[in-house]
């Protein structure tokens, strides 16, 4: 592509399409789905149980958005009833490699978060 034809993406720009993808990746369910799938392949109901609290509808919408963005691969087995398995694409695995450490960091720092919340409530 010629230099003058190259698209520049900027998540801070209101109409930039990268912002929508960022929301899919870092939204409540997106980050949890990516983290779960970084552990391996899941069927829909297994994934719903792993991501505790997500509804069928939200999980379905999240998986569709991540599949559309090239992060998740859906494989349908032609059985009766049909079975779908979900896994990460290389792009999704790369995103998960960046997001999972954030989850681990947050879990390790929750005592400090809890203290900050108590101080805030005490004001």
PDB file of N, CA and C in Angstrom:
ATOM      1  N   UNK A   1       0.847  -1.177   0.000  1.00  0.00           N
ATOM      2  CA  UNK A   1       0.000   0.000   0.000  1.00  0.00           C
ATOM      3  C   UNK A   1       0.896   1.245   0.000  1.00  0.00           C
ATOM      4  N   UNK A   2       0.542   2.198  -0.773  1.00  0.00           N
ATOM      5  CA  UNK A   2       1.282   3.450  -0.814  1.00  0.00           C
ATOM      6  C   UNK A   2       1.184   4.146   0.543  1.00  0.00           C
ATOM      7  N   UNK A   3       2.211   4.892   0.885  1.00  0.00           N
ATOM      8  CA  UNK A   3       2.248   5.580   2.180  1.00  0.00           C
ATOM      9  C   UNK A   3       1.027   6.465   2.391  1.00  0.00           C
ATOM     10  N   UNK A   4       0.592   7.177   1.362  1.00  0.00           N
ATOM     11  CA  UNK A   4      -0.545   8.086   1.514  1.00  0.00           C
ATOM     12  C   UNK A   4      -1.873   7.348   1.597  1.00  0.00           C
ATOM     13  N   UNK A   5      -1.909   6.055   1.287  1.00  0.00           N
ATOM     14  CA  UNK A   5      -3.147   5.277   1.342  1.00  0.00           C
ATOM     15  C   UNK A   5      -3.298   4.521   2.666  1.00  0.00           C
ATOM     16  N   UNK A   6      -2.237   4.466   3.449  1.00  0.00           N
ATOM     17  CA  UNK A   6      -2.263   3.678   4.684  1.00  0.00           C
ATOM     18  C   UNK A   6      -3.243   4.275   5.689  1.00  0.00           C
ATOM     19  N   UNK A   7      -4.053   3.412   6.287  1.00  0.00           N
ATOM     20  CA  UNK A   7      -5.018   3.846   7.299  1.00  0.00           C
ATOM     21  C   UNK A   7      -4.295   3.970   8.637  1.00  0.00           C
ATOM     22  N   UNK A   8      -4.580   5.025   9.352  1.00  0.00           N
ATOM     23  CA  UNK A   8      -4.020   5.230  10.684  1.00  0.00           C
ATOM     24  C   UNK A   8      -5.162   5.032  11.682  1.00  0.00           C
ATOM     25  N   UNK A   9      -4.967   4.081  12.589  1.00  0.00           N
ATOM     26  CA  UNK A   9      -5.977   3.796  13.602  1.00  0.00           C
ATOM     27  C   UNK A   9      -5.615   4.521  14.888  1.00  0.00           C
ATOM     28  N   UNK A  10      -6.621   5.073  15.544  1.00  0.00           N
ATOM     29  CA  UNK A  10      -6.414   5.837  16.778  1.00  0.00           C
ATOM     30  C   UNK A  10      -7.626   5.615  17.679  1.00  0.00           C
ATOM     31  N   UNK A  11      -7.465   4.816  18.741  1.00  0.00           N
ATOM     32  CA  UNK A  11      -8.596   4.507  19.620  1.00  0.00           C
ATOM     33  C   UNK A  11      -9.158   5.735  20.320  1.00  0.00           C
ATOM     34  N   UNK A  12      -8.406   6.825  20.345  1.00  0.00           N
ATOM     35  CA  UNK A  12      -8.911   8.041  20.977  1.00  0.00           C
ATOM     36  C   UNK A  12      -9.834   8.831  20.050  1.00  0.00           C
ATOM     37  N   UNK A  13      -9.834   8.477  18.778  1.00  0.00           N
ATOM     38  CA  UNK A  13     -10.721   9.141  17.820  1.00  0.00           C
ATOM     39  C   UNK A  13     -12.106   8.502  17.892  1.00  0.00           C
ATOM     40  N   UNK A  14     -13.115   9.333  18.010  1.00  0.00           N
ATOM     41  CA  UNK A  14     -14.487   8.869  18.241  1.00  0.00           C
ATOM     42  C   UNK A  14     -14.958   7.845  17.215  1.00  0.00           C
ATOM     43  N   UNK A  15     -14.648   8.039  15.972  1.00  0.00           N
ATOM     44  CA  UNK A  15     -15.184   7.167  14.919  1.00  0.00           C
ATOM     45  C   UNK A  15     -14.217   6.069  14.469  1.00  0.00           C
ATOM     46  N   UNK A  16     -13.109   5.922  15.149  1.00  0.00           N
ATOM     47  CA  UNK A  16     -12.133   4.911  14.751  1.00  0.00           C
ATOM     48  C   UNK A  16     -12.661   3.515  15.075  1.00  0.00           C
ATOM     49  N   UNK A  17     -12.575   2.614  14.108  1.00  0.00           N
ATOM     50  CA  UNK A  17     -13.088   1.255  14.298  1.00  0.00           C
ATOM     51  C   UNK A  17     -12.289   0.463  15.329  1.00  0.00           C
ATOM     52  N   UNK A  18     -11.074   0.908  15.616  1.00  0.00           N
ATOM     53  CA  UNK A  18     -10.288   0.198  16.627  1.00  0.00           C
ATOM     54  C   UNK A  18     -10.919   0.318  18.008  1.00  0.00           C
ATOM     55  N   UNK A  19     -11.675   1.386  18.223  1.00  0.00           N
ATOM     56  CA  UNK A  19     -12.328   1.580  19.523  1.00  0.00           C
ATOM     57  C   UNK A  19     -13.340   0.462  19.790  1.00  0.00           C
ATOM     58  N   UNK A  20     -14.108   0.085  18.775  1.00  0.00           N
ATOM     59  CA  UNK A  20     -15.085  -1.000  18.924  1.00  0.00           C
ATOM     60  C   UNK A  20     -14.382  -2.313  19.262  1.00  0.00           C
ATOM     61  N   UNK A  21     -13.281  -2.592  18.582  1.00  0.00           N
ATOM     62  CA  UNK A  21     -12.542  -3.822  18.870  1.00  0.00           C
ATOM     63  C   UNK A  21     -11.970  -3.786  20.280  1.00  0.00           C
ATOM     64  N   UNK A  22     -11.468  -2.644  20.706  1.00  0.00           N
ATOM     65  CA  UNK A  22     -10.959  -2.503  22.068  1.00  0.00           C
ATOM     66  C   UNK A  22     -12.054  -2.812  23.085  1.00  0.00           C
ATOM     67  N   UNK A  23     -13.259  -2.325  22.822  1.00  0.00           N
ATOM     68  CA  UNK A  23     -14.390  -2.618  23.709  1.00  0.00           C
ATOM     69  C   UNK A  23     -14.692  -4.112  23.743  1.00  0.00           C
ATOM     70  N   UNK A  24     -14.617  -4.785  22.604  1.00  0.00           N
ATOM     71  CA  UNK A  24     -14.866  -6.227  22.562  1.00  0.00           C
ATOM     72  C   UNK A  24     -13.826  -6.980  23.391  1.00  0.00           C
ATOM     73  N   UNK A  25     -12.586  -6.538  23.313  1.00  0.00           N
ATOM     74  CA  UNK A  25     -11.503  -7.220  24.023  1.00  0.00           C
ATOM     75  C   UNK A  25     -11.511  -6.951  25.522  1.00  0.00           C
ATOM     76  N   UNK A  26     -11.806  -5.729  25.901  1.00  0.00           N
ATOM     77  CA  UNK A  26     -11.621  -5.344  27.304  1.00  0.00           C
ATOM     78  C   UNK A  26     -12.917  -5.167  28.073  1.00  0.00           C
ATOM     79  N   UNK A  27     -14.043  -5.404  27.420  1.00  0.00           N
ATOM     80  CA  UNK A  27     -15.311  -5.362  28.137  1.00  0.00           C
ATOM     81  C   UNK A  27     -15.360  -6.490  29.156  1.00  0.00           C
ATOM     82  N   UNK A  28     -16.299  -6.402  30.056  1.00  0.00           N
ATOM     83  CA  UNK A  28     -16.406  -7.387  31.137  1.00  0.00           C
ATOM     84  C   UNK A  28     -16.325  -8.819  30.628  1.00  0.00           C
ATOM     85  N   UNK A  29     -17.104  -9.140  29.637  1.00  0.00           N
ATOM     86  CA  UNK A  29     -17.170 -10.535  29.188  1.00  0.00           C
ATOM     87  C   UNK A  29     -16.064 -10.862  28.197  1.00  0.00           C
ATOM     88  N   UNK A  30     -15.649  -9.908  27.386  1.00  0.00           N
ATOM     89  CA  UNK A  30     -14.612 -10.168  26.399  1.00  0.00           C
ATOM     90  C   UNK A  30     -13.305 -10.595  27.027  1.00  0.00           C
ATOM     91  N   UNK A  31     -12.861  -9.862  28.027  1.00  0.00           N
ATOM     92  CA  UNK A  31     -11.582 -10.194  28.662  1.00  0.00           C
ATOM     93  C   UNK A  31     -11.663 -11.541  29.375  1.00  0.00           C
ATOM     94  N   UNK A  32     -12.813 -11.845  29.980  1.00  0.00           N
ATOM     95  CA  UNK A  32     -12.952 -13.126  30.670  1.00  0.00           C
ATOM     96  C   UNK A  32     -13.025 -14.285  29.686  1.00  0.00           C
ATOM     97  N   UNK A  33     -13.699 -14.095  28.567  1.00  0.00           N
ATOM     98  CA  UNK A  33     -13.769 -15.143  27.537  1.00  0.00           C
ATOM     99  C   UNK A  33     -12.378 -15.391  26.961  1.00  0.00           C
ATOM    100  N   UNK A  34     -11.656 -14.323  26.639  1.00  0.00           N
ATOM    101  CA  UNK A  34     -10.299 -14.496  26.117  1.00  0.00           C
ATOM    102  C   UNK A  34      -9.404 -15.216  27.127  1.00  0.00           C
ATOM    103  N   UNK A  35      -9.503 -14.844  28.385  1.00  0.00           N
ATOM    104  CA  UNK A  35      -8.679 -15.488  29.417  1.00  0.00           C
ATOM    105  C   UNK A  35      -9.031 -16.960  29.552  1.00  0.00           C
ATOM    106  N   UNK A  36     -10.319 -17.278  29.543  1.00  0.00           N
ATOM    107  CA  UNK A  36     -10.732 -18.679  29.642  1.00  0.00           C
ATOM    108  C   UNK A  36     -10.241 -19.472  28.436  1.00  0.00           C
ATOM    109  N   UNK A  37     -10.414 -18.922  27.247  1.00  0.00           N
ATOM    110  CA  UNK A  37      -9.994 -19.631  26.036  1.00  0.00           C
ATOM    111  C   UNK A  37      -8.477 -19.745  25.934  1.00  0.00           C
ATOM    112  N   UNK A  38      -7.752 -18.903  26.665  1.00  0.00           N
ATOM    113  CA  UNK A  38      -6.292 -19.047  26.683  1.00  0.00           C
ATOM    114  C   UNK A  38      -5.888 -20.338  27.398  1.00  0.00           C
ATOM    115  N   UNK A  39      -6.810 -20.909  28.168  1.00  0.00           N
ATOM    116  CA  UNK A  39      -6.571 -22.178  28.859  1.00  0.00           C
ATOM    117  C   UNK A  39      -6.784 -23.370  27.930  1.00  0.00           C
ATOM    118  N   UNK A  40      -7.516 -23.172  26.830  1.00  0.00           N
ATOM    119  CA  UNK A  40      -7.776 -24.267  25.893  1.00  0.00           C
ATOM    120  C   UNK A  40      -9.122 -24.106  25.218  1.00  0.00           C
ATOM    121  N   UNK A  41      -9.501 -25.117  24.476  1.00  0.00           N
ATOM    122  CA  UNK A  41     -10.757 -25.129  23.734  1.00  0.00           C
ATOM    123  C   UNK A  41     -11.920 -25.450  24.665  1.00  0.00           C
ATOM    124  N   UNK A  42     -13.023 -24.758  24.461  1.00  0.00           N
ATOM    125  CA  UNK A  42     -14.226 -24.972  25.268  1.00  0.00           C
ATOM    126  C   UNK A  42     -15.439 -25.131  24.365  1.00  0.00           C
ATOM    127  N   UNK A  43     -16.397 -25.942  24.823  1.00  0.00           N
ATOM    128  CA  UNK A  43     -17.713 -25.934  24.221  1.00  0.00           C
ATOM    129  C   UNK A  43     -18.497 -24.820  24.900  1.00  0.00           C
ATOM    130  N   UNK A  44     -19.620 -24.432  24.299  1.00  0.00           N
ATOM    131  CA  UNK A  44     -20.369 -23.264  24.770  1.00  0.00           C
ATOM    132  C   UNK A  44     -20.721 -23.374  26.256  1.00  0.00           C
ATOM    133  N   UNK A  45     -21.351 -24.486  26.652  1.00  0.00           N
ATOM    134  CA  UNK A  45     -21.793 -24.617  28.045  1.00  0.00           C
ATOM    135  C   UNK A  45     -20.621 -24.707  29.019  1.00  0.00           C
ATOM    136  N   UNK A  46     -19.526 -25.319  28.589  1.00  0.00           N
ATOM    137  CA  UNK A  46     -18.330 -25.354  29.433  1.00  0.00           C
ATOM    138  C   UNK A  46     -17.796 -23.936  29.651  1.00  0.00           C
ATOM    139  N   UNK A  47     -17.798 -23.172  28.583  1.00  0.00           N
ATOM    140  CA  UNK A  47     -17.315 -21.794  28.664  1.00  0.00           C
ATOM    141  C   UNK A  47     -18.236 -20.952  29.538  1.00  0.00           C
ATOM    142  N   UNK A  48     -19.545 -21.170  29.427  1.00  0.00           N
ATOM    143  CA  UNK A  48     -20.504 -20.429  30.255  1.00  0.00           C
ATOM    144  C   UNK A  48     -20.281 -20.739  31.732  1.00  0.00           C
ATOM    145  N   UNK A  49     -19.982 -21.993  32.041  1.00  0.00           N
ATOM    146  CA  UNK A  49     -19.704 -22.355  33.441  1.00  0.00           C
ATOM    147  C   UNK A  49     -18.368 -21.751  33.912  1.00  0.00           C
ATOM    148  N   UNK A  50     -17.386 -21.703  33.016  1.00  0.00           N
ATOM    149  CA  UNK A  50     -16.080 -21.157  33.382  1.00  0.00           C
ATOM    150  C   UNK A  50     -16.167 -19.660  33.645  1.00  0.00           C
ATOM    151  N   UNK A  51     -16.934 -18.965  32.821  1.00  0.00           N
ATOM    152  CA  UNK A  51     -17.118 -17.517  32.974  1.00  0.00           C
ATOM    153  C   UNK A  51     -18.391 -17.323  33.799  1.00  0.00           C
ATOM    154  N   UNK A  52     -18.271 -17.554  35.065  1.00  0.00           N
ATOM    155  CA  UNK A  52     -19.403 -17.543  35.984  1.00  0.00           C
ATOM    156  C   UNK A  52     -20.154 -16.212  35.922  1.00  0.00           C
ATOM    157  N   UNK A  53     -21.469 -16.299  35.763  1.00  0.00           N
ATOM    158  CA  UNK A  53     -22.304 -15.102  35.789  1.00  0.00           C
ATOM    159  C   UNK A  53     -22.716 -14.589  34.427  1.00  0.00           C
ATOM    160  N   UNK A  54     -22.082 -15.058  33.361  1.00  0.00           N
ATOM    161  CA  UNK A  54     -22.461 -14.589  32.026  1.00  0.00           C
ATOM    162  C   UNK A  54     -23.724 -15.323  31.578  1.00  0.00           C
ATOM    163  N   UNK A  55     -24.651 -14.597  30.977  1.00  0.00           N
ATOM    164  CA  UNK A  55     -25.866 -15.218  30.452  1.00  0.00           C
ATOM    165  C   UNK A  55     -25.565 -15.843  29.093  1.00  0.00           C
ATOM    166  N   UNK A  56     -26.427 -16.751  28.672  1.00  0.00           N
ATOM    167  CA  UNK A  56     -26.280 -17.358  27.351  1.00  0.00           C
ATOM    168  C   UNK A  56     -26.237 -16.283  26.270  1.00  0.00           C
ATOM    169  N   UNK A  57     -27.129 -15.307  26.387  1.00  0.00           N
ATOM    170  CA  UNK A  57     -27.215 -14.250  25.379  1.00  0.00           C
ATOM    171  C   UNK A  57     -25.931 -13.437  25.315  1.00  0.00           C
ATOM    172  N   UNK A  58     -25.408 -13.020  26.467  1.00  0.00           N
ATOM    173  CA  UNK A  58     -24.187 -12.208  26.489  1.00  0.00           C
ATOM    174  C   UNK A  58     -22.980 -13.005  26.021  1.00  0.00           C
ATOM    175  N   UNK A  59     -22.915 -14.277  26.397  1.00  0.00           N
ATOM    176  CA  UNK A  59     -21.802 -15.109  25.950  1.00  0.00           C
ATOM    177  C   UNK A  59     -21.856 -15.283  24.437  1.00  0.00           C
ATOM    178  N   UNK A  60     -23.030 -15.522  23.917  1.00  0.00           N
ATOM    179  CA  UNK A  60     -23.195 -15.674  22.472  1.00  0.00           C
ATOM    180  C   UNK A  60     -22.792 -14.400  21.743  1.00  0.00           C
ATOM    181  N   UNK A  61     -23.256 -13.251  22.234  1.00  0.00           N
ATOM    182  CA  UNK A  61     -22.913 -11.966  21.601  1.00  0.00           C
ATOM    183  C   UNK A  61     -21.412 -11.696  21.687  1.00  0.00           C
ATOM    184  N   UNK A  62     -20.819 -12.009  22.824  1.00  0.00           N
ATOM    185  CA  UNK A  62     -19.383 -11.788  23.015  1.00  0.00           C
ATOM    186  C   UNK A  62     -18.578 -12.671  22.071  1.00  0.00           C
ATOM    187  N   UNK A  63     -18.951 -13.940  21.989  1.00  0.00           N
ATOM    188  CA  UNK A  63     -18.243 -14.855  21.093  1.00  0.00           C
ATOM    189  C   UNK A  63     -18.377 -14.426  19.637  1.00  0.00           C
ATOM    190  N   UNK A  64     -19.568 -13.980  19.250  1.00  0.00           N
ATOM    191  CA  UNK A  64     -19.767 -13.517  17.876  1.00  0.00           C
ATOM    192  C   UNK A  64     -18.903 -12.299  17.575  1.00  0.00           C
ATOM    193  N   UNK A  65     -18.846 -11.358  18.500  1.00  0.00           N
ATOM    194  CA  UNK A  65     -18.033 -10.154  18.295  1.00  0.00           C
ATOM    195  C   UNK A  65     -16.555 -10.515  18.193  1.00  0.00           C
ATOM    196  N   UNK A  66     -16.088 -11.397  19.073  1.00  0.00           N
ATOM    197  CA  UNK A  66     -14.684 -11.792  19.048  1.00  0.00           C
ATOM    198  C   UNK A  66     -14.362 -12.630  17.814  1.00  0.00           C
ATOM    199  N   UNK A  67     -15.306 -13.424  17.359  1.00  0.00           N
ATOM    200  CA  UNK A  67     -15.114 -14.192  16.123  1.00  0.00           C
ATOM    201  C   UNK A  67     -15.045 -13.236  14.923  1.00  0.00           C
ATOM    202  N   UNK A  68     -15.944 -12.268  14.878  1.00  0.00           N
ATOM    203  CA  UNK A  68     -15.969 -11.275  13.802  1.00  0.00           C
ATOM    204  C   UNK A  68     -14.660 -10.481  13.755  1.00  0.00           C
ATOM    205  N   UNK A  69     -14.077 -10.203  14.931  1.00  0.00           N
ATOM    206  CA  UNK A  69     -12.827  -9.455  15.006  1.00  0.00           C
ATOM    207  C   UNK A  69     -11.594 -10.335  14.759  1.00  0.00           C
ATOM    208  N   UNK A  70     -11.802 -11.630  14.544  1.00  0.00           N
ATOM    209  CA  UNK A  70     -10.690 -12.527  14.249  1.00  0.00           C
ATOM    210  C   UNK A  70      -9.961 -13.049  15.465  1.00  0.00           C
ATOM    211  N   UNK A  71     -10.573 -12.946  16.638  1.00  0.00           N
ATOM    212  CA  UNK A  71      -9.931 -13.376  17.886  1.00  0.00           C
ATOM    213  C   UNK A  71     -10.296 -14.811  18.273  1.00  0.00           C
ATOM    214  N   UNK A  72     -11.487 -15.242  17.882  1.00  0.00           N
ATOM    215  CA  UNK A  72     -12.009 -16.544  18.280  1.00  0.00           C
ATOM    216  C   UNK A  72     -12.346 -17.356  17.034  1.00  0.00           C
ATOM    217  N   UNK A  73     -12.059 -18.646  17.121  1.00  0.00           N
ATOM    218  CA  UNK A  73     -12.415 -19.583  16.067  1.00  0.00           C
ATOM    219  C   UNK A  73     -13.531 -20.474  16.583  1.00  0.00           C
ATOM    220  N   UNK A  74     -14.595 -20.581  15.817  1.00  0.00           N
ATOM    221  CA  UNK A  74     -15.726 -21.458  16.156  1.00  0.00           C
ATOM    222  C   UNK A  74     -15.733 -22.615  15.167  1.00  0.00           C
ATOM    223  N   UNK A  75     -15.697 -23.831  15.708  1.00  0.00           N
ATOM    224  CA  UNK A  75     -15.761 -25.034  14.880  1.00  0.00           C
ATOM    225  C   UNK A  75     -17.030 -25.777  15.247  1.00  0.00           C
ATOM    226  N   UNK A  76     -17.869 -26.047  14.247  1.00  0.00           N
ATOM    227  CA  UNK A  76     -19.142 -26.730  14.465  1.00  0.00           C
ATOM    228  C   UNK A  76     -19.004 -28.178  14.022  1.00  0.00           C
ATOM    229  N   UNK A  77     -19.282 -29.103  14.942  1.00  0.00           N
ATOM    230  CA  UNK A  77     -19.296 -30.530  14.612  1.00  0.00           C
ATOM    231  C   UNK A  77     -20.684 -30.865  14.077  1.00  0.00           C
ATOM    232  N   UNK A  78     -20.721 -31.555  12.947  1.00  0.00           N
ATOM    233  CA  UNK A  78     -21.998 -31.921  12.327  1.00  0.00           C
ATOM    234  C   UNK A  78     -22.551 -33.185  12.979  1.00  0.00           C
ATOM    235  N   UNK A  79     -23.005 -33.023  14.211  1.00  0.00           N
ATOM    236  CA  UNK A  79     -23.622 -34.114  14.961  1.00  0.00           C
ATOM    237  C   UNK A  79     -25.049 -33.695  15.282  1.00  0.00           C
ATOM    238  N   UNK A  80     -25.794 -34.601  15.861  1.00  0.00           N
ATOM    239  CA  UNK A  80     -27.154 -34.274  16.293  1.00  0.00           C
ATOM    240  C   UNK A  80     -27.184 -34.429  17.802  1.00  0.00           C
ATOM    241  N   UNK A  81     -27.404 -33.361  18.542  1.00  0.00           N
ATOM    242  CA  UNK A  81     -27.447 -31.961  18.097  1.00  0.00           C
ATOM    243  C   UNK A  81     -26.042 -31.475  17.725  1.00  0.00           C
ATOM    244  N   UNK A  82     -25.956 -30.410  16.918  1.00  0.00           N
ATOM    245  CA  UNK A  82     -24.642 -29.872  16.548  1.00  0.00           C
ATOM    246  C   UNK A  82     -23.887 -29.389  17.784  1.00  0.00           C
ATOM    247  N   UNK A  83     -22.579 -29.557  17.769  1.00  0.00           N
ATOM    248  CA  UNK A  83     -21.736 -29.102  18.875  1.00  0.00           C
ATOM    249  C   UNK A  83     -20.749 -28.080  18.341  1.00  0.00           C
ATOM    250  N   UNK A  84     -20.590 -26.996  19.078  1.00  0.00           N
ATOM    251  CA  UNK A  84     -19.630 -25.962  18.704  1.00  0.00           C
ATOM    252  C   UNK A  84     -18.507 -25.928  19.715  1.00  0.00           C
ATOM    253  N   UNK A  85     -17.298 -25.782  19.203  1.00  0.00           N
ATOM    254  CA  UNK A  85     -16.134 -25.610  20.055  1.00  0.00           C
ATOM    255  C   UNK A  85     -15.489 -24.276  19.721  1.00  0.00           C
ATOM    256  N   UNK A  86     -15.003 -23.618  20.749  1.00  0.00           N
ATOM    257  CA  UNK A  86     -14.404 -22.297  20.606  1.00  0.00           C
ATOM    258  C   UNK A  86     -12.954 -22.345  21.068  1.00  0.00           C
ATOM    259  N   UNK A  87     -12.097 -21.681  20.308  1.00  0.00           N
ATOM    260  CA  UNK A  87     -10.690 -21.569  20.669  1.00  0.00           C
ATOM    261  C   UNK A  87     -10.187 -20.217  20.178  1.00  0.00           C
ATOM    262  N   UNK A  88      -8.985 -19.884  20.597  1.00  0.00           N
ATOM    263  CA  UNK A  88      -8.393 -18.623  20.173  1.00  0.00           C
ATOM    264  C   UNK A  88      -7.668 -18.797  18.842  1.00  0.00           C
ATOM    265  N   UNK A  89      -7.762 -17.792  18.013  1.00  0.00           N
ATOM    266  CA  UNK A  89      -6.938 -17.711  16.817  1.00  0.00           C
ATOM    267  C   UNK A  89      -5.557 -17.224  17.254  1.00  0.00           C
ATOM    268  N   UNK A  90      -4.568 -17.234  16.377  1.00  0.00           N
ATOM    269  CA  UNK A  90      -3.274 -16.646  16.757  1.00  0.00           C
ATOM    270  C   UNK A  90      -3.404 -15.184  17.204  1.00  0.00           C
ATOM    271  N   UNK A  91      -4.265 -14.419  16.538  1.00  0.00           N
ATOM    272  CA  UNK A  91      -4.488 -13.024  16.936  1.00  0.00           C
ATOM    273  C   UNK A  91      -5.120 -12.956  18.325  1.00  0.00           C
ATOM    274  N   UNK A  92      -6.093 -13.821  18.595  1.00  0.00           N
ATOM    275  CA  UNK A  92      -6.734 -13.866  19.904  1.00  0.00           C
ATOM    276  C   UNK A  92      -5.771 -14.304  20.996  1.00  0.00           C
ATOM    277  N   UNK A  93      -4.896 -15.258  20.673  1.00  0.00           N
ATOM    278  CA  UNK A  93      -3.903 -15.717  21.647  1.00  0.00           C
ATOM    279  C   UNK A  93      -2.935 -14.590  21.988  1.00  0.00           C
ATOM    280  N   UNK A  94      -2.579 -13.792  20.977  1.00  0.00           N
ATOM    281  CA  UNK A  94      -1.699 -12.658  21.219  1.00  0.00           C
ATOM    282  C   UNK A  94      -2.374 -11.628  22.130  1.00  0.00           C
ATOM    283  N   UNK A  95      -3.662 -11.371  21.889  1.00  0.00           N
ATOM    284  CA  UNK A  95      -4.405 -10.445  22.756  1.00  0.00           C
ATOM    285  C   UNK A  95      -4.492 -10.996  24.176  1.00  0.00           C
ATOM    286  N   UNK A  96      -4.803 -12.283  24.303  1.00  0.00           N
ATOM    287  CA  UNK A  96      -4.909 -12.906  25.626  1.00  0.00           C
ATOM    288  C   UNK A  96      -3.576 -12.840  26.366  1.00  0.00           C
ATOM    289  N   UNK A  97      -2.476 -13.009  25.643  1.00  0.00           N
ATOM    290  CA  UNK A  97      -1.155 -12.933  26.276  1.00  0.00           C
ATOM    291  C   UNK A  97      -0.906 -11.567  26.904  1.00  0.00           C
ATOM    292  N   UNK A  98      -1.585 -10.560  26.412  1.00  0.00           N
ATOM    293  CA  UNK A  98      -1.434  -9.217  26.968  1.00  0.00           C
ATOM    294  C   UNK A  98      -2.450  -8.947  28.078  1.00  0.00           C
ATOM    295  N   UNK A  99      -3.620  -9.554  27.988  1.00  0.00           N
ATOM    296  CA  UNK A  99      -4.691  -9.278  28.945  1.00  0.00           C
ATOM    297  C   UNK A  99      -4.624 -10.156  30.200  1.00  0.00           C
ATOM    298  N   UNK A 100      -4.206 -11.400  30.069  1.00  0.00           N
ATOM    299  CA  UNK A 100      -4.169 -12.302  31.220  1.00  0.00           C
ATOM    300  C   UNK A 100      -3.234 -11.775  32.311  1.00  0.00           C
ATOM    301  N   UNK A 101      -2.062 -11.222  31.975  1.00  0.00           N
ATOM    302  CA  UNK A 101      -1.233 -10.646  33.054  1.00  0.00           C
ATOM    303  C   UNK A 101      -1.934  -9.512  33.802  1.00  0.00           C
ATOM    304  N   UNK A 102      -2.774  -8.758  33.127  1.00  0.00           N
ATOM    305  CA  UNK A 102      -3.538  -7.708  33.804  1.00  0.00           C
ATOM    306  C   UNK A 102      -4.471  -8.333  34.845  1.00  0.00           C
ATOM    307  N   UNK A 103      -5.113  -9.427  34.494  1.00  0.00           N
ATOM    308  CA  UNK A 103      -5.998 -10.132  35.436  1.00  0.00           C
ATOM    309  C   UNK A 103      -5.192 -10.615  36.637  1.00  0.00           C
ATOM    310  N   UNK A 104      -4.033 -11.219  36.392  1.00  0.00           N
ATOM    311  CA  UNK A 104      -3.205 -11.733  37.493  1.00  0.00           C
ATOM    312  C   UNK A 104      -2.718 -10.594  38.388  1.00  0.00           C
ATOM    313  N   UNK A 105      -2.308  -9.487  37.751  1.00  0.00           N
ATOM    314  CA  UNK A 105      -1.878  -8.326  38.524  1.00  0.00           C
ATOM    315  C   UNK A 105      -3.017  -7.832  39.415  1.00  0.00           C
ATOM    316  N   UNK A 106      -4.209  -7.695  38.835  1.00  0.00           N
ATOM    317  CA  UNK A 106      -5.360  -7.207  39.594  1.00  0.00           C
ATOM    318  C   UNK A 106      -5.681  -8.122  40.772  1.00  0.00           C
ATOM    319  N   UNK A 107      -5.696  -9.426  40.527  1.00  0.00           N
ATOM    320  CA  UNK A 107      -5.991 -10.362  41.613  1.00  0.00           C
ATOM    321  C   UNK A 107      -4.967 -10.236  42.743  1.00  0.00           C
ATOM    322  N   UNK A 108      -3.696 -10.025  42.395  1.00  0.00           N
ATOM    323  CA  UNK A 108      -2.653  -9.921  43.426  1.00  0.00           C
ATOM    324  C   UNK A 108      -2.718  -8.600  44.192  1.00  0.00           C
ATOM    325  N   UNK A 109      -3.327  -7.583  43.597  1.00  0.00           N
ATOM    326  CA  UNK A 109      -3.390  -6.266  44.231  1.00  0.00           C
ATOM    327  C   UNK A 109      -4.733  -5.965  44.886  1.00  0.00           C
ATOM    328  N   UNK A 110      -5.638  -6.932  44.919  1.00  0.00           N
ATOM    329  CA  UNK A 110      -6.968  -6.693  45.488  1.00  0.00           C
ATOM    330  C   UNK A 110      -6.951  -6.283  46.964  1.00  0.00           C
ATOM    331  N   UNK A 111      -6.014  -6.767  47.789  1.00  0.00           N
ATOM    332  CA  UNK A 111      -5.997  -6.246  49.163  1.00  0.00           C
ATOM    333  C   UNK A 111      -5.818  -4.720  49.201  1.00  0.00           C
ATOM    334  N   UNK A 112      -4.968  -4.182  48.328  1.00  0.00           N
ATOM    335  CA  UNK A 112      -4.769  -2.729  48.286  1.00  0.00           C
ATOM    336  C   UNK A 112      -6.009  -2.024  47.746  1.00  0.00           C
ATOM    337  N   UNK A 113      -6.675  -2.641  46.794  1.00  0.00           N
ATOM    338  CA  UNK A 113      -7.916  -2.083  46.261  1.00  0.00           C
ATOM    339  C   UNK A 113      -8.975  -2.048  47.358  1.00  0.00           C
ATOM    340  N   UNK A 114      -9.061  -3.139  48.128  1.00  0.00           N
ATOM    341  CA  UNK A 114     -10.043  -3.200  49.218  1.00  0.00           C
ATOM    342  C   UNK A 114      -9.766  -2.105  50.257  1.00  0.00           C
ATOM    343  N   UNK A 115      -8.493  -1.890  50.568  1.00  0.00           N
ATOM    344  CA  UNK A 115      -8.136  -0.830  51.516  1.00  0.00           C
ATOM    345  C   UNK A 115      -8.513   0.541  50.961  1.00  0.00           C
ATOM    346  N   UNK A 116      -8.243   0.770  49.708  1.00  0.00           N
ATOM    347  CA  UNK A 116      -8.587   2.053  49.080  1.00  0.00           C
ATOM    348  C   UNK A 116     -10.090   2.277  49.110  1.00  0.00           C
ATOM    349  N   UNK A 117     -10.832   1.234  48.882  1.00  0.00           N
ATOM    350  CA  UNK A 117     -12.301   1.347  48.904  1.00  0.00           C
ATOM    351  C   UNK A 117     -12.789   1.687  50.312  1.00  0.00           C
ATOM    352  N   UNK A 118     -12.177   1.056  51.327  1.00  0.00           N
ATOM    353  CA  UNK A 118     -12.558   1.363  52.715  1.00  0.00           C
ATOM    354  C   UNK A 118     -12.246   2.822  53.047  1.00  0.00           C
ATOM    355  N   UNK A 119     -11.075   3.295  52.641  1.00  0.00           N
ATOM    356  CA  UNK A 119     -10.712   4.696  52.892  1.00  0.00           C
ATOM    357  C   UNK A 119     -11.698   5.620  52.199  1.00  0.00           C
ATOM    358  N   UNK A 120     -12.065   5.292  51.003  1.00  0.00           N
ATOM    359  CA  UNK A 120     -13.009   6.117  50.233  1.00  0.00           C
ATOM    360  C   UNK A 120     -14.362   6.173  50.931  1.00  0.00           C
ATOM    361  N   UNK A 121     -14.844   5.031  51.402  1.00  0.00           N
ATOM    362  CA  UNK A 121     -16.133   4.972  52.086  1.00  0.00           C
ATOM    363  C   UNK A 121     -16.096   5.742  53.401  1.00  0.00           C
ATOM    364  N   UNK A 122     -14.894   5.796  54.034  1.00  0.00           N
ATOM    365  CA  UNK A 122     -14.761   6.474  55.317  1.00  0.00           C
ATOM    366  C   UNK A 122     -14.710   7.987  55.229  1.00  0.00           C
ATOM    367  N   UNK A 123     -14.643   8.510  54.037  1.00  0.00           N
ATOM    368  CA  UNK A 123     -14.586   9.980  53.878  1.00  0.00           C
ATOM    369  C   UNK A 123     -15.880  10.639  54.210  1.00  0.00           C
TER     370      UNK A 123
END
